[in-house]
């Protein structure tokens, strides 16, 4: 199931999560973003639009901050530290700090484990 949602409706995100939705797309987003989400969900992957990350956190308690989630999501996509830093307009050291915090907060052994845990929990 793929859900079209808005940031102003965290309750609907919570209900969709309980219904085991595999994807969440901002209905104010671009058509290309929707196509990408449909393809990823059809391939059995999860998809969470970055603009919904904050609203999603309000719908279901997540130990990671919105910035930690965005860094972890980019890392899960295979982006390097330099690419994440450039995309999110951060210093490389800041990206490393967010990765370390996400690893610690998820109780993971390393970044790969943090990504696995975050995917399993539906945060990324």
PDB file of N, CA and C in Angstrom:
ATOM      1  N   UNK A   1       0.845  -1.169   0.000  1.00  0.00           N
ATOM      2  CA  UNK A   1       0.000   0.000   0.000  1.00  0.00           C
ATOM      3  C   UNK A   1       0.896   1.239   0.000  1.00  0.00           C
ATOM      4  N   UNK A   2       0.547   2.193  -0.810  1.00  0.00           N
ATOM      5  CA  UNK A   2       1.228   3.476  -0.902  1.00  0.00           C
ATOM      6  C   UNK A   2       0.235   4.552  -0.494  1.00  0.00           C
ATOM      7  N   UNK A   3       0.651   5.429   0.418  1.00  0.00           N
ATOM      8  CA  UNK A   3      -0.248   6.437   0.965  1.00  0.00           C
ATOM      9  C   UNK A   3       0.165   7.816   0.484  1.00  0.00           C
ATOM     10  N   UNK A   4      -0.795   8.572  -0.021  1.00  0.00           N
ATOM     11  CA  UNK A   4      -0.589   9.989  -0.321  1.00  0.00           C
ATOM     12  C   UNK A   4      -1.033  10.749   0.914  1.00  0.00           C
ATOM     13  N   UNK A   5      -0.153  11.543   1.483  1.00  0.00           N
ATOM     14  CA  UNK A   5      -0.472  12.235   2.728  1.00  0.00           C
ATOM     15  C   UNK A   5       0.060  13.651   2.697  1.00  0.00           C
ATOM     16  N   UNK A   6      -0.337  14.421   3.694  1.00  0.00           N
ATOM     17  CA  UNK A   6       0.197  15.775   3.834  1.00  0.00           C
ATOM     18  C   UNK A   6       0.824  15.900   5.213  1.00  0.00           C
ATOM     19  N   UNK A   7       1.718  16.859   5.365  1.00  0.00           N
ATOM     20  CA  UNK A   7       2.412  17.033   6.636  1.00  0.00           C
ATOM     21  C   UNK A   7       1.465  17.477   7.737  1.00  0.00           C
ATOM     22  N   UNK A   8       0.310  18.003   7.387  1.00  0.00           N
ATOM     23  CA  UNK A   8      -0.642  18.473   8.385  1.00  0.00           C
ATOM     24  C   UNK A   8      -1.550  17.395   8.928  1.00  0.00           C
ATOM     25  N   UNK A   9      -1.354  16.146   8.540  1.00  0.00           N
ATOM     26  CA  UNK A   9      -2.243  15.069   8.985  1.00  0.00           C
ATOM     27  C   UNK A   9      -1.458  13.890   9.558  1.00  0.00           C
ATOM     28  N   UNK A  10      -0.765  14.107  10.699  1.00  0.00           N
ATOM     29  CA  UNK A  10       0.028  13.010  11.249  1.00  0.00           C
ATOM     30  C   UNK A  10      -0.815  11.816  11.684  1.00  0.00           C
ATOM     31  N   UNK A  11      -2.070  12.038  12.030  1.00  0.00           N
ATOM     32  CA  UNK A  11      -2.945  10.929  12.422  1.00  0.00           C
ATOM     33  C   UNK A  11      -3.153   9.941  11.289  1.00  0.00           C
ATOM     34  N   UNK A  12      -3.294  10.439  10.076  1.00  0.00           N
ATOM     35  CA  UNK A  12      -3.476   9.539   8.936  1.00  0.00           C
ATOM     36  C   UNK A  12      -2.203   8.742   8.669  1.00  0.00           C
ATOM     37  N   UNK A  13      -1.050   9.342   8.939  1.00  0.00           N
ATOM     38  CA  UNK A  13       0.209   8.616   8.804  1.00  0.00           C
ATOM     39  C   UNK A  13       0.280   7.480   9.815  1.00  0.00           C
ATOM     40  N   UNK A  14      -0.169   7.731  11.025  1.00  0.00           N
ATOM     41  CA  UNK A  14      -0.163   6.693  12.054  1.00  0.00           C
ATOM     42  C   UNK A  14      -1.077   5.536  11.657  1.00  0.00           C
ATOM     43  N   UNK A  15      -2.250   5.850  11.172  1.00  0.00           N
ATOM     44  CA  UNK A  15      -3.182   4.797  10.727  1.00  0.00           C
ATOM     45  C   UNK A  15      -2.604   4.011   9.561  1.00  0.00           C
ATOM     46  N   UNK A  16      -1.962   4.703   8.641  1.00  0.00           N
ATOM     47  CA  UNK A  16      -1.354   4.014   7.500  1.00  0.00           C
ATOM     48  C   UNK A  16      -0.218   3.110   7.959  1.00  0.00           C
ATOM     49  N   UNK A  17       0.537   3.558   8.941  1.00  0.00           N
ATOM     50  CA  UNK A  17       1.620   2.741   9.472  1.00  0.00           C
ATOM     51  C   UNK A  17       1.068   1.472  10.110  1.00  0.00           C
ATOM     52  N   UNK A  18       0.009   1.611  10.898  1.00  0.00           N
ATOM     53  CA  UNK A  18      -0.613   0.434  11.526  1.00  0.00           C
ATOM     54  C   UNK A  18      -1.189  -0.514  10.486  1.00  0.00           C
ATOM     55  N   UNK A  19      -1.601   0.033   9.349  1.00  0.00           N
ATOM     56  CA  UNK A  19      -2.129  -0.803   8.265  1.00  0.00           C
ATOM     57  C   UNK A  19      -1.010  -1.395   7.417  1.00  0.00           C
ATOM     58  N   UNK A  20       0.232  -1.172   7.851  1.00  0.00           N
ATOM     59  CA  UNK A  20       1.428  -1.698   7.199  1.00  0.00           C
ATOM     60  C   UNK A  20       1.642  -1.150   5.783  1.00  0.00           C
ATOM     61  N   UNK A  21       1.381   0.156   5.637  1.00  0.00           N
ATOM     62  CA  UNK A  21       1.681   0.818   4.361  1.00  0.00           C
ATOM     63  C   UNK A  21       3.177   0.712   4.103  1.00  0.00           C
ATOM     64  N   UNK A  22       3.541   0.541   2.867  1.00  0.00           N
ATOM     65  CA  UNK A  22       4.949   0.403   2.493  1.00  0.00           C
ATOM     66  C   UNK A  22       5.535   1.718   2.003  1.00  0.00           C
ATOM     67  N   UNK A  23       4.695   2.690   1.659  1.00  0.00           N
ATOM     68  CA  UNK A  23       5.196   3.950   1.147  1.00  0.00           C
ATOM     69  C   UNK A  23       4.327   5.121   1.544  1.00  0.00           C
ATOM     70  N   UNK A  24       4.961   6.273   1.702  1.00  0.00           N
ATOM     71  CA  UNK A  24       4.289   7.512   2.088  1.00  0.00           C
ATOM     72  C   UNK A  24       4.799   8.626   1.189  1.00  0.00           C
ATOM     73  N   UNK A  25       3.907   9.239   0.435  1.00  0.00           N
ATOM     74  CA  UNK A  25       4.288  10.282  -0.510  1.00  0.00           C
ATOM     75  C   UNK A  25       3.520  11.559  -0.170  1.00  0.00           C
ATOM     76  N   UNK A  26       4.231  12.682  -0.164  1.00  0.00           N
ATOM     77  CA  UNK A  26       3.605  13.977   0.072  1.00  0.00           C
ATOM     78  C   UNK A  26       2.722  14.316  -1.121  1.00  0.00           C
ATOM     79  N   UNK A  27       1.441  14.541  -0.868  1.00  0.00           N
ATOM     80  CA  UNK A  27       0.543  14.802  -1.994  1.00  0.00           C
ATOM     81  C   UNK A  27       0.810  16.141  -2.666  1.00  0.00           C
ATOM     82  N   UNK A  28       1.630  16.982  -2.031  1.00  0.00           N
ATOM     83  CA  UNK A  28       2.033  18.237  -2.657  1.00  0.00           C
ATOM     84  C   UNK A  28       3.336  18.089  -3.429  1.00  0.00           C
ATOM     85  N   UNK A  29       3.873  16.874  -3.472  1.00  0.00           N
ATOM     86  CA  UNK A  29       5.137  16.620  -4.159  1.00  0.00           C
ATOM     87  C   UNK A  29       4.978  16.526  -5.667  1.00  0.00           C
ATOM     88  N   UNK A  30       6.078  16.310  -6.337  1.00  0.00           N
ATOM     89  CA  UNK A  30       6.076  16.255  -7.801  1.00  0.00           C
ATOM     90  C   UNK A  30       5.547  14.913  -8.303  1.00  0.00           C
ATOM     91  N   UNK A  31       5.007  14.900  -9.519  1.00  0.00           N
ATOM     92  CA  UNK A  31       4.555  13.638 -10.109  1.00  0.00           C
ATOM     93  C   UNK A  31       5.696  12.622 -10.245  1.00  0.00           C
ATOM     94  N   UNK A  32       6.899  13.106 -10.521  1.00  0.00           N
ATOM     95  CA  UNK A  32       8.053  12.212 -10.625  1.00  0.00           C
ATOM     96  C   UNK A  32       8.338  11.498  -9.318  1.00  0.00           C
ATOM     97  N   UNK A  33       8.142  12.200  -8.221  1.00  0.00           N
ATOM     98  CA  UNK A  33       8.348  11.604  -6.890  1.00  0.00           C
ATOM     99  C   UNK A  33       7.328  10.490  -6.670  1.00  0.00           C
ATOM    100  N   UNK A  34       6.096  10.710  -7.085  1.00  0.00           N
ATOM    101  CA  UNK A  34       5.061   9.686  -6.949  1.00  0.00           C
ATOM    102  C   UNK A  34       5.407   8.452  -7.772  1.00  0.00           C
ATOM    103  N   UNK A  35       5.878   8.650  -8.988  1.00  0.00           N
ATOM    104  CA  UNK A  35       6.270   7.530  -9.852  1.00  0.00           C
ATOM    105  C   UNK A  35       7.401   6.742  -9.200  1.00  0.00           C
ATOM    106  N   UNK A  36       8.389   7.443  -8.655  1.00  0.00           N
ATOM    107  CA  UNK A  36       9.510   6.775  -7.977  1.00  0.00           C
ATOM    108  C   UNK A  36       9.010   5.949  -6.800  1.00  0.00           C
ATOM    109  N   UNK A  37       8.093   6.514  -6.036  1.00  0.00           N
ATOM    110  CA  UNK A  37       7.541   5.805  -4.874  1.00  0.00           C
ATOM    111  C   UNK A  37       6.783   4.555  -5.306  1.00  0.00           C
ATOM    112  N   UNK A  38       5.974   4.665  -6.336  1.00  0.00           N
ATOM    113  CA  UNK A  38       5.210   3.511  -6.831  1.00  0.00           C
ATOM    114  C   UNK A  38       6.163   2.401  -7.252  1.00  0.00           C
ATOM    115  N   UNK A  39       7.213   2.767  -7.968  1.00  0.00           N
ATOM    116  CA  UNK A  39       8.181   1.758  -8.419  1.00  0.00           C
ATOM    117  C   UNK A  39       8.874   1.077  -7.250  1.00  0.00           C
ATOM    118  N   UNK A  40       9.275   1.847  -6.256  1.00  0.00           N
ATOM    119  CA  UNK A  40       9.983   1.257  -5.111  1.00  0.00           C
ATOM    120  C   UNK A  40       9.070   0.347  -4.301  1.00  0.00           C
ATOM    121  N   UNK A  41       7.835   0.789  -4.075  1.00  0.00           N
ATOM    122  CA  UNK A  41       6.898  -0.037  -3.317  1.00  0.00           C
ATOM    123  C   UNK A  41       6.555  -1.301  -4.104  1.00  0.00           C
ATOM    124  N   UNK A  42       6.394  -1.171  -5.417  1.00  0.00           N
ATOM    125  CA  UNK A  42       6.119  -2.340  -6.260  1.00  0.00           C
ATOM    126  C   UNK A  42       7.274  -3.332  -6.236  1.00  0.00           C
ATOM    127  N   UNK A  43       8.480  -2.830  -6.001  1.00  0.00           N
ATOM    128  CA  UNK A  43       9.665  -3.690  -5.927  1.00  0.00           C
ATOM    129  C   UNK A  43       9.845  -4.283  -4.525  1.00  0.00           C
ATOM    130  N   UNK A  44       8.897  -3.992  -3.629  1.00  0.00           N
ATOM    131  CA  UNK A  44       8.962  -4.546  -2.281  1.00  0.00           C
ATOM    132  C   UNK A  44       9.740  -3.706  -1.291  1.00  0.00           C
ATOM    133  N   UNK A  45      10.122  -2.505  -1.684  1.00  0.00           N
ATOM    134  CA  UNK A  45      10.881  -1.622  -0.800  1.00  0.00           C
ATOM    135  C   UNK A  45       9.946  -0.645  -0.099  1.00  0.00           C
ATOM    136  N   UNK A  46      10.480   0.029   0.906  1.00  0.00           N
ATOM    137  CA  UNK A  46       9.748   1.109   1.579  1.00  0.00           C
ATOM    138  C   UNK A  46      10.123   2.437   0.933  1.00  0.00           C
ATOM    139  N   UNK A  47       9.218   3.393   1.012  1.00  0.00           N
ATOM    140  CA  UNK A  47       9.496   4.736   0.514  1.00  0.00           C
ATOM    141  C   UNK A  47       8.820   5.728   1.442  1.00  0.00           C
ATOM    142  N   UNK A  48       9.603   6.670   1.965  1.00  0.00           N
ATOM    143  CA  UNK A  48       9.044   7.742   2.786  1.00  0.00           C
ATOM    144  C   UNK A  48       9.562   9.056   2.241  1.00  0.00           C
ATOM    145  N   UNK A  49       8.641   9.892   1.773  1.00  0.00           N
ATOM    146  CA  UNK A  49       8.996  11.196   1.243  1.00  0.00           C
ATOM    147  C   UNK A  49       9.647  12.010   2.356  1.00  0.00           C
ATOM    148  N   UNK A  50      10.757  12.626   2.059  1.00  0.00           N
ATOM    149  CA  UNK A  50      11.509  13.381   3.068  1.00  0.00           C
ATOM    150  C   UNK A  50      10.658  14.468   3.727  1.00  0.00           C
ATOM    151  N   UNK A  51       9.754  15.080   2.975  1.00  0.00           N
ATOM    152  CA  UNK A  51       8.924  16.144   3.542  1.00  0.00           C
ATOM    153  C   UNK A  51       7.930  15.613   4.572  1.00  0.00           C
ATOM    154  N   UNK A  52       7.689  14.307   4.568  1.00  0.00           N
ATOM    155  CA  UNK A  52       6.766  13.720   5.536  1.00  0.00           C
ATOM    156  C   UNK A  52       7.478  13.158   6.764  1.00  0.00           C
ATOM    157  N   UNK A  53       8.807  13.179   6.760  1.00  0.00           N
ATOM    158  CA  UNK A  53       9.563  12.571   7.862  1.00  0.00           C
ATOM    159  C   UNK A  53       9.180  13.170   9.215  1.00  0.00           C
ATOM    160  N   UNK A  54       9.078  14.471   9.287  1.00  0.00           N
ATOM    161  CA  UNK A  54       8.728  15.116  10.552  1.00  0.00           C
ATOM    162  C   UNK A  54       7.313  14.747  10.987  1.00  0.00           C
ATOM    163  N   UNK A  55       6.361  14.793  10.057  1.00  0.00           N
ATOM    164  CA  UNK A  55       4.979  14.431  10.381  1.00  0.00           C
ATOM    165  C   UNK A  55       4.882  12.961  10.764  1.00  0.00           C
ATOM    166  N   UNK A  56       5.671  12.131  10.102  1.00  0.00           N
ATOM    167  CA  UNK A  56       5.681  10.696  10.411  1.00  0.00           C
ATOM    168  C   UNK A  56       6.171  10.476  11.836  1.00  0.00           C
ATOM    169  N   UNK A  57       7.176  11.241  12.265  1.00  0.00           N
ATOM    170  CA  UNK A  57       7.685  11.108  13.619  1.00  0.00           C
ATOM    171  C   UNK A  57       6.619  11.489  14.637  1.00  0.00           C
ATOM    172  N   UNK A  58       5.803  12.469  14.338  1.00  0.00           N
ATOM    173  CA  UNK A  58       4.730  12.853  15.246  1.00  0.00           C
ATOM    174  C   UNK A  58       3.677  11.754  15.336  1.00  0.00           C
ATOM    175  N   UNK A  59       3.510  11.014  14.257  1.00  0.00           N
ATOM    176  CA  UNK A  59       2.501   9.964  14.228  1.00  0.00           C
ATOM    177  C   UNK A  59       2.935   8.734  15.005  1.00  0.00           C
ATOM    178  N   UNK A  60       4.214   8.468  15.061  1.00  0.00           N
ATOM    179  CA  UNK A  60       4.719   7.275  15.731  1.00  0.00           C
ATOM    180  C   UNK A  60       6.067   7.619  16.359  1.00  0.00           C
ATOM    181  N   UNK A  61       6.231   7.397  17.649  1.00  0.00           N
ATOM    182  CA  UNK A  61       7.483   7.778  18.292  1.00  0.00           C
ATOM    183  C   UNK A  61       8.701   7.121  17.637  1.00  0.00           C
ATOM    184  N   UNK A  62       9.659   7.933  17.301  1.00  0.00           N
ATOM    185  CA  UNK A  62      10.901   7.485  16.678  1.00  0.00           C
ATOM    186  C   UNK A  62      12.032   8.131  17.470  1.00  0.00           C
ATOM    187  N   UNK A  63      13.063   7.374  17.830  1.00  0.00           N
ATOM    188  CA  UNK A  63      14.118   7.958  18.649  1.00  0.00           C
ATOM    189  C   UNK A  63      15.049   8.914  17.903  1.00  0.00           C
ATOM    190  N   UNK A  64      14.927   8.991  16.581  1.00  0.00           N
ATOM    191  CA  UNK A  64      15.831   9.814  15.776  1.00  0.00           C
ATOM    192  C   UNK A  64      15.213  11.169  15.461  1.00  0.00           C
ATOM    193  N   UNK A  65      16.060  12.187  15.387  1.00  0.00           N
ATOM    194  CA  UNK A  65      15.598  13.520  15.001  1.00  0.00           C
ATOM    195  C   UNK A  65      15.320  13.534  13.496  1.00  0.00           C
ATOM    196  N   UNK A  66      14.577  14.528  13.016  1.00  0.00           N
ATOM    197  CA  UNK A  66      14.340  14.606  11.571  1.00  0.00           C
ATOM    198  C   UNK A  66      15.639  14.661  10.763  1.00  0.00           C
ATOM    199  N   UNK A  67      16.638  15.366  11.259  1.00  0.00           N
ATOM    200  CA  UNK A  67      17.903  15.463  10.529  1.00  0.00           C
ATOM    201  C   UNK A  67      18.632  14.120  10.532  1.00  0.00           C
ATOM    202  N   UNK A  68      18.622  13.426  11.673  1.00  0.00           N
ATOM    203  CA  UNK A  68      19.240  12.095  11.720  1.00  0.00           C
ATOM    204  C   UNK A  68      18.544  11.145  10.753  1.00  0.00           C
ATOM    205  N   UNK A  69      17.221  11.244  10.673  1.00  0.00           N
ATOM    206  CA  UNK A  69      16.474  10.411   9.725  1.00  0.00           C
ATOM    207  C   UNK A  69      16.855  10.737   8.289  1.00  0.00           C
ATOM    208  N   UNK A  70      16.986  12.020   7.976  1.00  0.00           N
ATOM    209  CA  UNK A  70      17.311  12.382   6.596  1.00  0.00           C
ATOM    210  C   UNK A  70      18.715  11.914   6.231  1.00  0.00           C
ATOM    211  N   UNK A  71      19.657  12.017   7.172  1.00  0.00           N
ATOM    212  CA  UNK A  71      21.017  11.534   6.917  1.00  0.00           C
ATOM    213  C   UNK A  71      21.007  10.016   6.755  1.00  0.00           C
ATOM    214  N   UNK A  72      20.296   9.322   7.637  1.00  0.00           N
ATOM    215  CA  UNK A  72      20.229   7.862   7.567  1.00  0.00           C
ATOM    216  C   UNK A  72      19.543   7.405   6.283  1.00  0.00           C
ATOM    217  N   UNK A  73      18.500   8.123   5.877  1.00  0.00           N
ATOM    218  CA  UNK A  73      17.802   7.768   4.632  1.00  0.00           C
ATOM    219  C   UNK A  73      18.729   7.910   3.429  1.00  0.00           C
ATOM    220  N   UNK A  74      19.522   8.973   3.407  1.00  0.00           N
ATOM    221  CA  UNK A  74      20.472   9.152   2.299  1.00  0.00           C
ATOM    222  C   UNK A  74      21.536   8.053   2.326  1.00  0.00           C
ATOM    223  N   UNK A  75      22.001   7.704   3.524  1.00  0.00           N
ATOM    224  CA  UNK A  75      22.989   6.625   3.651  1.00  0.00           C
ATOM    225  C   UNK A  75      22.384   5.305   3.184  1.00  0.00           C
ATOM    226  N   UNK A  76      21.123   5.086   3.500  1.00  0.00           N
ATOM    227  CA  UNK A  76      20.439   3.864   3.074  1.00  0.00           C
ATOM    228  C   UNK A  76      20.321   3.788   1.558  1.00  0.00           C
ATOM    229  N   UNK A  77      20.297   4.943   0.909  1.00  0.00           N
ATOM    230  CA  UNK A  77      20.241   4.993  -0.557  1.00  0.00           C
ATOM    231  C   UNK A  77      21.614   4.749  -1.175  1.00  0.00           C
ATOM    232  N   UNK A  78      22.641   4.691  -0.318  1.00  0.00           N
ATOM    233  CA  UNK A  78      23.996   4.438  -0.806  1.00  0.00           C
ATOM    234  C   UNK A  78      24.826   5.683  -1.029  1.00  0.00           C
ATOM    235  N   UNK A  79      24.317   6.844  -0.598  1.00  0.00           N
ATOM    236  CA  UNK A  79      25.074   8.079  -0.772  1.00  0.00           C
ATOM    237  C   UNK A  79      26.305   8.083   0.143  1.00  0.00           C
ATOM    238  N   UNK A  80      27.394   8.640  -0.332  1.00  0.00           N
ATOM    239  CA  UNK A  80      28.605   8.789   0.475  1.00  0.00           C
ATOM    240  C   UNK A  80      28.411   9.952   1.447  1.00  0.00           C
ATOM    241  N   UNK A  81      29.326  10.052   2.403  1.00  0.00           N
ATOM    242  CA  UNK A  81      29.277  11.167   3.352  1.00  0.00           C
ATOM    243  C   UNK A  81      29.345  12.494   2.614  1.00  0.00           C
ATOM    244  N   UNK A  82      30.216  12.578   1.630  1.00  0.00           N
ATOM    245  CA  UNK A  82      30.346  13.819   0.852  1.00  0.00           C
ATOM    246  C   UNK A  82      29.053  14.144   0.103  1.00  0.00           C
ATOM    247  N   UNK A  83      28.410  13.135  -0.478  1.00  0.00           N
ATOM    248  CA  UNK A  83      27.150  13.365  -1.206  1.00  0.00           C
ATOM    249  C   UNK A  83      26.047  13.798  -0.255  1.00  0.00           C
ATOM    250  N   UNK A  84      25.970  13.156   0.909  1.00  0.00           N
ATOM    251  CA  UNK A  84      24.959  13.539   1.902  1.00  0.00           C
ATOM    252  C   UNK A  84      25.199  14.969   2.354  1.00  0.00           C
ATOM    253  N   UNK A  85      26.448  15.298   2.644  1.00  0.00           N
ATOM    254  CA  UNK A  85      26.791  16.654   3.088  1.00  0.00           C
ATOM    255  C   UNK A  85      26.383  17.686   2.045  1.00  0.00           C
ATOM    256  N   UNK A  86      26.697  17.401   0.792  1.00  0.00           N
ATOM    257  CA  UNK A  86      26.362  18.334  -0.291  1.00  0.00           C
ATOM    258  C   UNK A  86      24.840  18.465  -0.447  1.00  0.00           C
ATOM    259  N   UNK A  87      24.138  17.349  -0.445  1.00  0.00           N
ATOM    260  CA  UNK A  87      22.681  17.355  -0.637  1.00  0.00           C
ATOM    261  C   UNK A  87      21.952  18.080   0.492  1.00  0.00           C
ATOM    262  N   UNK A  88      22.395  17.829   1.724  1.00  0.00           N
ATOM    263  CA  UNK A  88      21.703  18.404   2.884  1.00  0.00           C
ATOM    264  C   UNK A  88      22.335  19.702   3.382  1.00  0.00           C
ATOM    265  N   UNK A  89      23.359  20.188   2.652  1.00  0.00           N
ATOM    266  CA  UNK A  89      24.027  21.444   3.000  1.00  0.00           C
ATOM    267  C   UNK A  89      24.605  21.393   4.412  1.00  0.00           C
ATOM    268  N   UNK A  90      25.370  20.325   4.661  1.00  0.00           N
ATOM    269  CA  UNK A  90      26.027  20.121   5.948  1.00  0.00           C
ATOM    270  C   UNK A  90      27.518  19.904   5.738  1.00  0.00           C
ATOM    271  N   UNK A  91      28.289  20.048   6.794  1.00  0.00           N
ATOM    272  CA  UNK A  91      29.706  19.696   6.751  1.00  0.00           C
ATOM    273  C   UNK A  91      29.819  18.176   6.872  1.00  0.00           C
ATOM    274  N   UNK A  92      30.860  17.611   6.307  1.00  0.00           N
ATOM    275  CA  UNK A  92      31.067  16.160   6.381  1.00  0.00           C
ATOM    276  C   UNK A  92      31.144  15.670   7.827  1.00  0.00           C
ATOM    277  N   UNK A  93      31.796  16.427   8.679  1.00  0.00           N
ATOM    278  CA  UNK A  93      31.877  16.055  10.092  1.00  0.00           C
ATOM    279  C   UNK A  93      30.515  16.026  10.764  1.00  0.00           C
ATOM    280  N   UNK A  94      29.645  16.937  10.371  1.00  0.00           N
ATOM    281  CA  UNK A  94      28.291  16.970  10.915  1.00  0.00           C
ATOM    282  C   UNK A  94      27.523  15.729  10.484  1.00  0.00           C
ATOM    283  N   UNK A  95      27.704  15.330   9.225  1.00  0.00           N
ATOM    284  CA  UNK A  95      27.051  14.112   8.731  1.00  0.00           C
ATOM    285  C   UNK A  95      27.533  12.915   9.544  1.00  0.00           C
ATOM    286  N   UNK A  96      28.834  12.826   9.777  1.00  0.00           N
ATOM    287  CA  UNK A  96      29.381  11.727  10.584  1.00  0.00           C
ATOM    288  C   UNK A  96      28.783  11.733  11.993  1.00  0.00           C
ATOM    289  N   UNK A  97      28.638  12.926  12.573  1.00  0.00           N
ATOM    290  CA  UNK A  97      28.034  13.030  13.911  1.00  0.00           C
ATOM    291  C   UNK A  97      26.589  12.541  13.913  1.00  0.00           C
ATOM    292  N   UNK A  98      25.817  12.911  12.888  1.00  0.00           N
ATOM    293  CA  UNK A  98      24.434  12.441  12.802  1.00  0.00           C
ATOM    294  C   UNK A  98      24.384  10.921  12.626  1.00  0.00           C
ATOM    295  N   UNK A  99      25.297  10.381  11.835  1.00  0.00           N
ATOM    296  CA  UNK A  99      25.343   8.926  11.647  1.00  0.00           C
ATOM    297  C   UNK A  99      25.667   8.228  12.967  1.00  0.00           C
ATOM    298  N   UNK A 100      26.623   8.769  13.715  1.00  0.00           N
ATOM    299  CA  UNK A 100      26.987   8.180  15.007  1.00  0.00           C
ATOM    300  C   UNK A 100      25.815   8.260  15.989  1.00  0.00           C
ATOM    301  N   UNK A 101      25.112   9.388  15.992  1.00  0.00           N
ATOM    302  CA  UNK A 101      23.967   9.544  16.887  1.00  0.00           C
ATOM    303  C   UNK A 101      22.855   8.566  16.515  1.00  0.00           C
ATOM    304  N   UNK A 102      22.597   8.402  15.219  1.00  0.00           N
ATOM    305  CA  UNK A 102      21.562   7.461  14.768  1.00  0.00           C
ATOM    306  C   UNK A 102      21.935   6.035  15.147  1.00  0.00           C
ATOM    307  N   UNK A 103      23.193   5.704  15.011  1.00  0.00           N
ATOM    308  CA  UNK A 103      23.659   4.364  15.379  1.00  0.00           C
ATOM    309  C   UNK A 103      23.470   4.134  16.879  1.00  0.00           C
ATOM    310  N   UNK A 104      23.855   5.108  17.673  1.00  0.00           N
ATOM    311  CA  UNK A 104      23.715   5.004  19.127  1.00  0.00           C
ATOM    312  C   UNK A 104      22.242   4.922  19.549  1.00  0.00           C
ATOM    313  N   UNK A 105      21.409   5.811  19.007  1.00  0.00           N
ATOM    314  CA  UNK A 105      20.005   5.874  19.414  1.00  0.00           C
ATOM    315  C   UNK A 105      19.198   4.639  19.008  1.00  0.00           C
ATOM    316  N   UNK A 106      19.599   3.983  17.936  1.00  0.00           N
ATOM    317  CA  UNK A 106      18.889   2.770  17.514  1.00  0.00           C
ATOM    318  C   UNK A 106      19.415   1.530  18.220  1.00  0.00           C
ATOM    319  N   UNK A 107      20.515   1.686  18.957  1.00  0.00           N
ATOM    320  CA  UNK A 107      21.116   0.549  19.635  1.00  0.00           C
ATOM    321  C   UNK A 107      21.844  -0.376  18.679  1.00  0.00           C
ATOM    322  N   UNK A 108      22.232   0.177  17.542  1.00  0.00           N
ATOM    323  CA  UNK A 108      22.876  -0.617  16.493  1.00  0.00           C
ATOM    324  C   UNK A 108      24.366  -0.799  16.769  1.00  0.00           C
ATOM    325  N   UNK A 109      24.938  -1.819  16.142  1.00  0.00           N
ATOM    326  CA  UNK A 109      26.377  -2.084  16.254  1.00  0.00           C
ATOM    327  C   UNK A 109      27.181  -1.169  15.340  1.00  0.00           C
ATOM    328  N   UNK A 110      26.573  -0.780  14.214  1.00  0.00           N
ATOM    329  CA  UNK A 110      27.255   0.061  13.227  1.00  0.00           C
ATOM    330  C   UNK A 110      26.194   0.721  12.349  1.00  0.00           C
ATOM    331  N   UNK A 111      26.630   1.485  11.376  1.00  0.00           N
ATOM    332  CA  UNK A 111      25.696   2.214  10.515  1.00  0.00           C
ATOM    333  C   UNK A 111      24.797   1.274   9.714  1.00  0.00           C
ATOM    334  N   UNK A 112      25.359   0.195   9.201  1.00  0.00           N
ATOM    335  CA  UNK A 112      24.556  -0.761   8.425  1.00  0.00           C
ATOM    336  C   UNK A 112      23.449  -1.339   9.295  1.00  0.00           C
ATOM    337  N   UNK A 113      23.775  -1.660  10.530  1.00  0.00           N
ATOM    338  CA  UNK A 113      22.786  -2.188  11.464  1.00  0.00           C
ATOM    339  C   UNK A 113      21.730  -1.126  11.772  1.00  0.00           C
ATOM    340  N   UNK A 114      22.149   0.127  11.911  1.00  0.00           N
ATOM    341  CA  UNK A 114      21.198   1.215  12.160  1.00  0.00           C
ATOM    342  C   UNK A 114      20.230   1.361  10.987  1.00  0.00           C
ATOM    343  N   UNK A 115      20.730   1.225   9.767  1.00  0.00           N
ATOM    344  CA  UNK A 115      19.863   1.290   8.589  1.00  0.00           C
ATOM    345  C   UNK A 115      18.891   0.118   8.596  1.00  0.00           C
ATOM    346  N   UNK A 116      19.402  -1.088   8.900  1.00  0.00           N
ATOM    347  CA  UNK A 116      18.542  -2.270   8.945  1.00  0.00           C
ATOM    348  C   UNK A 116      17.435  -2.102   9.980  1.00  0.00           C
ATOM    349  N   UNK A 117      17.795  -1.653  11.175  1.00  0.00           N
ATOM    350  CA  UNK A 117      16.813  -1.442  12.238  1.00  0.00           C
ATOM    351  C   UNK A 117      15.796  -0.382  11.814  1.00  0.00           C
ATOM    352  N   UNK A 118      16.287   0.706  11.243  1.00  0.00           N
ATOM    353  CA  UNK A 118      15.397   1.790  10.823  1.00  0.00           C
ATOM    354  C   UNK A 118      14.446   1.362   9.720  1.00  0.00           C
ATOM    355  N   UNK A 119      14.928   0.542   8.806  1.00  0.00           N
ATOM    356  CA  UNK A 119      14.046   0.023   7.752  1.00  0.00           C
ATOM    357  C   UNK A 119      12.995  -0.915   8.337  1.00  0.00           C
ATOM    358  N   UNK A 120      13.439  -1.801   9.234  1.00  0.00           N
ATOM    359  CA  UNK A 120      12.520  -2.751   9.855  1.00  0.00           C
ATOM    360  C   UNK A 120      11.414  -2.013  10.613  1.00  0.00           C
ATOM    361  N   UNK A 121      11.780  -0.927  11.271  1.00  0.00           N
ATOM    362  CA  UNK A 121      10.814  -0.151  12.039  1.00  0.00           C
ATOM    363  C   UNK A 121       9.980   0.789  11.169  1.00  0.00           C
ATOM    364  N   UNK A 122      10.367   0.911   9.896  1.00  0.00           N
ATOM    365  CA  UNK A 122       9.625   1.767   8.981  1.00  0.00           C
ATOM    366  C   UNK A 122       9.967   3.236   9.076  1.00  0.00           C
ATOM    367  N   UNK A 123      11.102   3.538   9.705  1.00  0.00           N
ATOM    368  CA  UNK A 123      11.498   4.944   9.836  1.00  0.00           C
ATOM    369  C   UNK A 123      12.159   5.456   8.576  1.00  0.00           C
ATOM    370  N   UNK A 124      12.822   4.586   7.846  1.00  0.00           N
ATOM    371  CA  UNK A 124      13.556   4.960   6.623  1.00  0.00           C
ATOM    372  C   UNK A 124      13.041   4.126   5.475  1.00  0.00           C
TER     373      UNK A 124
END
